[in-house]
Structure formats: C-alpha cells, structure tokens
C-alpha cells in the first residue's frame, strides 16, 4: 500500500482547491451578475459547508439553496432575476 498523505499535504491541497474555486466563483459572479438572483447547489461537494460559504461570499446578492441531488431531477430549475 502507498503512504497516506500527511496533514500538511492535505491542507495544501485543500488550500489550492479553495483558491482555484474562489477564483472561478469570482469570474462566474462577474459574468452572470445581472442574470442570477437564486442559485441551487445540487449534490456532491456543493453541500459541504465550506463550499456553501465560498459561494455565499462570491454571490452575496443571491439566495443560495443547497438541495439534495434527487431534488433537481424532479424539478425544472431555472435561475431567475427578481
């Protein structure tokens, strides 16, 4: 078996992920600013508290709705401007 990553390696990977994720969120926020007031976060990593917090910081003007994956398949979800 291979070696388990150390706490330092995991922390560096998480930091790198969050930095890249926040840059992507900033870019998307700028591009959709006038169109989106409601965001649905559906399944997977989008339900993690640190991801939800990053999305809230990037889109302070939006209503953020984390939902379970089965929910989005049963509804026609659209982002709308209020």
C-alpha atoms as a PDB file:
ATOM      1  CA  UNK A   1       0.000   0.000   0.000  1.00  0.00           C
ATOM      2  CA  UNK A   2       1.041   3.570  -0.632  1.00  0.00           C
ATOM      3  CA  UNK A   3       1.703   6.116   2.038  1.00  0.00           C
ATOM      4  CA  UNK A   4      -1.175   8.136   3.398  1.00  0.00           C
ATOM      5  CA  UNK A   5      -0.953  11.853   2.709  1.00  0.00           C
ATOM      6  CA  UNK A   6       0.196  13.893   5.669  1.00  0.00           C
ATOM      7  CA  UNK A   7      -1.927  16.571   7.305  1.00  0.00           C
ATOM      8  CA  UNK A   8       0.317  19.179   5.657  1.00  0.00           C
ATOM      9  CA  UNK A   9      -0.236  17.690   2.201  1.00  0.00           C
ATOM     10  CA  UNK A  10      -3.997  17.593   2.731  1.00  0.00           C
ATOM     11  CA  UNK A  11      -4.028  21.184   3.993  1.00  0.00           C
ATOM     12  CA  UNK A  12      -2.020  22.364   0.980  1.00  0.00           C
ATOM     13  CA  UNK A  13      -4.334  20.515  -1.411  1.00  0.00           C
ATOM     14  CA  UNK A  14      -7.425  21.980   0.250  1.00  0.00           C
ATOM     15  CA  UNK A  15      -5.913  25.473   0.153  1.00  0.00           C
ATOM     16  CA  UNK A  16      -5.062  25.088  -3.531  1.00  0.00           C
ATOM     17  CA  UNK A  17      -8.580  23.816  -4.307  1.00  0.00           C
ATOM     18  CA  UNK A  18     -10.252  26.671  -2.435  1.00  0.00           C
ATOM     19  CA  UNK A  19      -8.034  29.306  -4.073  1.00  0.00           C
ATOM     20  CA  UNK A  20      -8.860  27.968  -7.548  1.00  0.00           C
ATOM     21  CA  UNK A  21     -12.538  27.547  -6.642  1.00  0.00           C
ATOM     22  CA  UNK A  22     -12.782  31.126  -5.329  1.00  0.00           C
ATOM     23  CA  UNK A  23     -11.145  32.474  -8.499  1.00  0.00           C
ATOM     24  CA  UNK A  24     -13.664  30.568 -10.606  1.00  0.00           C
ATOM     25  CA  UNK A  25     -16.557  31.813  -8.456  1.00  0.00           C
ATOM     26  CA  UNK A  26     -15.347  35.423  -8.834  1.00  0.00           C
ATOM     27  CA  UNK A  27     -15.208  35.024 -12.619  1.00  0.00           C
ATOM     28  CA  UNK A  28     -18.677  33.480 -12.800  1.00  0.00           C
ATOM     29  CA  UNK A  29     -20.095  36.091 -10.420  1.00  0.00           C
ATOM     30  CA  UNK A  30     -18.871  38.865 -12.693  1.00  0.00           C
ATOM     31  CA  UNK A  31     -20.251  37.211 -15.820  1.00  0.00           C
ATOM     32  CA  UNK A  32     -23.749  36.406 -14.501  1.00  0.00           C
ATOM     33  CA  UNK A  33     -24.216  39.308 -12.100  1.00  0.00           C
ATOM     34  CA  UNK A  34     -27.209  40.814 -13.882  1.00  0.00           C
ATOM     35  CA  UNK A  35     -28.941  37.464 -14.531  1.00  0.00           C
ATOM     36  CA  UNK A  36     -28.803  35.388 -11.378  1.00  0.00           C
ATOM     37  CA  UNK A  37     -30.503  36.042  -8.070  1.00  0.00           C
ATOM     38  CA  UNK A  38     -31.138  32.430  -6.995  1.00  0.00           C
ATOM     39  CA  UNK A  39     -28.527  29.661  -7.013  1.00  0.00           C
ATOM     40  CA  UNK A  40     -29.277  25.983  -6.459  1.00  0.00           C
ATOM     41  CA  UNK A  41     -26.337  23.889  -5.221  1.00  0.00           C
ATOM     42  CA  UNK A  42     -27.071  20.286  -6.080  1.00  0.00           C
ATOM     43  CA  UNK A  43     -25.289  17.336  -4.548  1.00  0.00           C
ATOM     44  CA  UNK A  44     -21.724  16.222  -4.118  1.00  0.00           C
ATOM     45  CA  UNK A  45     -19.198  18.726  -2.848  1.00  0.00           C
ATOM     46  CA  UNK A  46     -21.672  21.593  -3.264  1.00  0.00           C
ATOM     47  CA  UNK A  47     -23.315  20.510   0.001  1.00  0.00           C
ATOM     48  CA  UNK A  48     -20.082  20.876   2.018  1.00  0.00           C
ATOM     49  CA  UNK A  49     -20.261  23.830   4.447  1.00  0.00           C
ATOM     50  CA  UNK A  50     -17.006  25.401   3.226  1.00  0.00           C
ATOM     51  CA  UNK A  51     -18.225  25.278  -0.397  1.00  0.00           C
ATOM     52  CA  UNK A  52     -21.575  26.811   0.551  1.00  0.00           C
ATOM     53  CA  UNK A  53     -19.756  29.580   2.443  1.00  0.00           C
ATOM     54  CA  UNK A  54     -17.468  30.296  -0.534  1.00  0.00           C
ATOM     55  CA  UNK A  55     -20.499  30.530  -2.845  1.00  0.00           C
ATOM     56  CA  UNK A  56     -22.268  32.882  -0.395  1.00  0.00           C
ATOM     57  CA  UNK A  57     -19.204  35.132  -0.325  1.00  0.00           C
ATOM     58  CA  UNK A  58     -18.937  35.161  -4.124  1.00  0.00           C
ATOM     59  CA  UNK A  59     -22.659  35.770  -4.646  1.00  0.00           C
ATOM     60  CA  UNK A  60     -23.808  37.933  -1.706  1.00  0.00           C
ATOM     61  CA  UNK A  61     -26.741  39.269  -3.735  1.00  0.00           C
ATOM     62  CA  UNK A  62     -28.159  35.781  -4.379  1.00  0.00           C
ATOM     63  CA  UNK A  63     -30.398  33.427  -2.489  1.00  0.00           C
ATOM     64  CA  UNK A  64     -28.373  30.214  -2.066  1.00  0.00           C
ATOM     65  CA  UNK A  65     -30.299  26.933  -1.908  1.00  0.00           C
ATOM     66  CA  UNK A  66     -28.320  23.741  -1.230  1.00  0.00           C
ATOM     67  CA  UNK A  67     -30.515  20.786  -2.200  1.00  0.00           C
ATOM     68  CA  UNK A  68     -30.187  17.010  -2.255  1.00  0.00           C
ATOM     69  CA  UNK A  69     -29.310  15.513  -5.682  1.00  0.00           C
ATOM     70  CA  UNK A  70     -32.643  13.726  -6.145  1.00  0.00           C
ATOM     71  CA  UNK A  71     -34.486  17.057  -5.888  1.00  0.00           C
ATOM     72  CA  UNK A  72     -33.077  18.619  -9.064  1.00  0.00           C
ATOM     73  CA  UNK A  73     -34.081  15.666 -11.223  1.00  0.00           C
ATOM     74  CA  UNK A  74     -37.712  16.041 -10.210  1.00  0.00           C
ATOM     75  CA  UNK A  75     -37.999  19.759 -10.913  1.00  0.00           C
ATOM     76  CA  UNK A  76     -37.309  22.126 -13.747  1.00  0.00           C
ATOM     77  CA  UNK A  77     -34.872  24.523 -12.036  1.00  0.00           C
ATOM     78  CA  UNK A  78     -34.181  27.881 -13.563  1.00  0.00           C
ATOM     79  CA  UNK A  79     -32.221  30.811 -12.219  1.00  0.00           C
ATOM     80  CA  UNK A  80     -34.412  33.868 -12.371  1.00  0.00           C
ATOM     81  CA  UNK A  81     -33.910  37.531 -11.741  1.00  0.00           C
ATOM     82  CA  UNK A  82     -36.328  39.025  -9.197  1.00  0.00           C
END
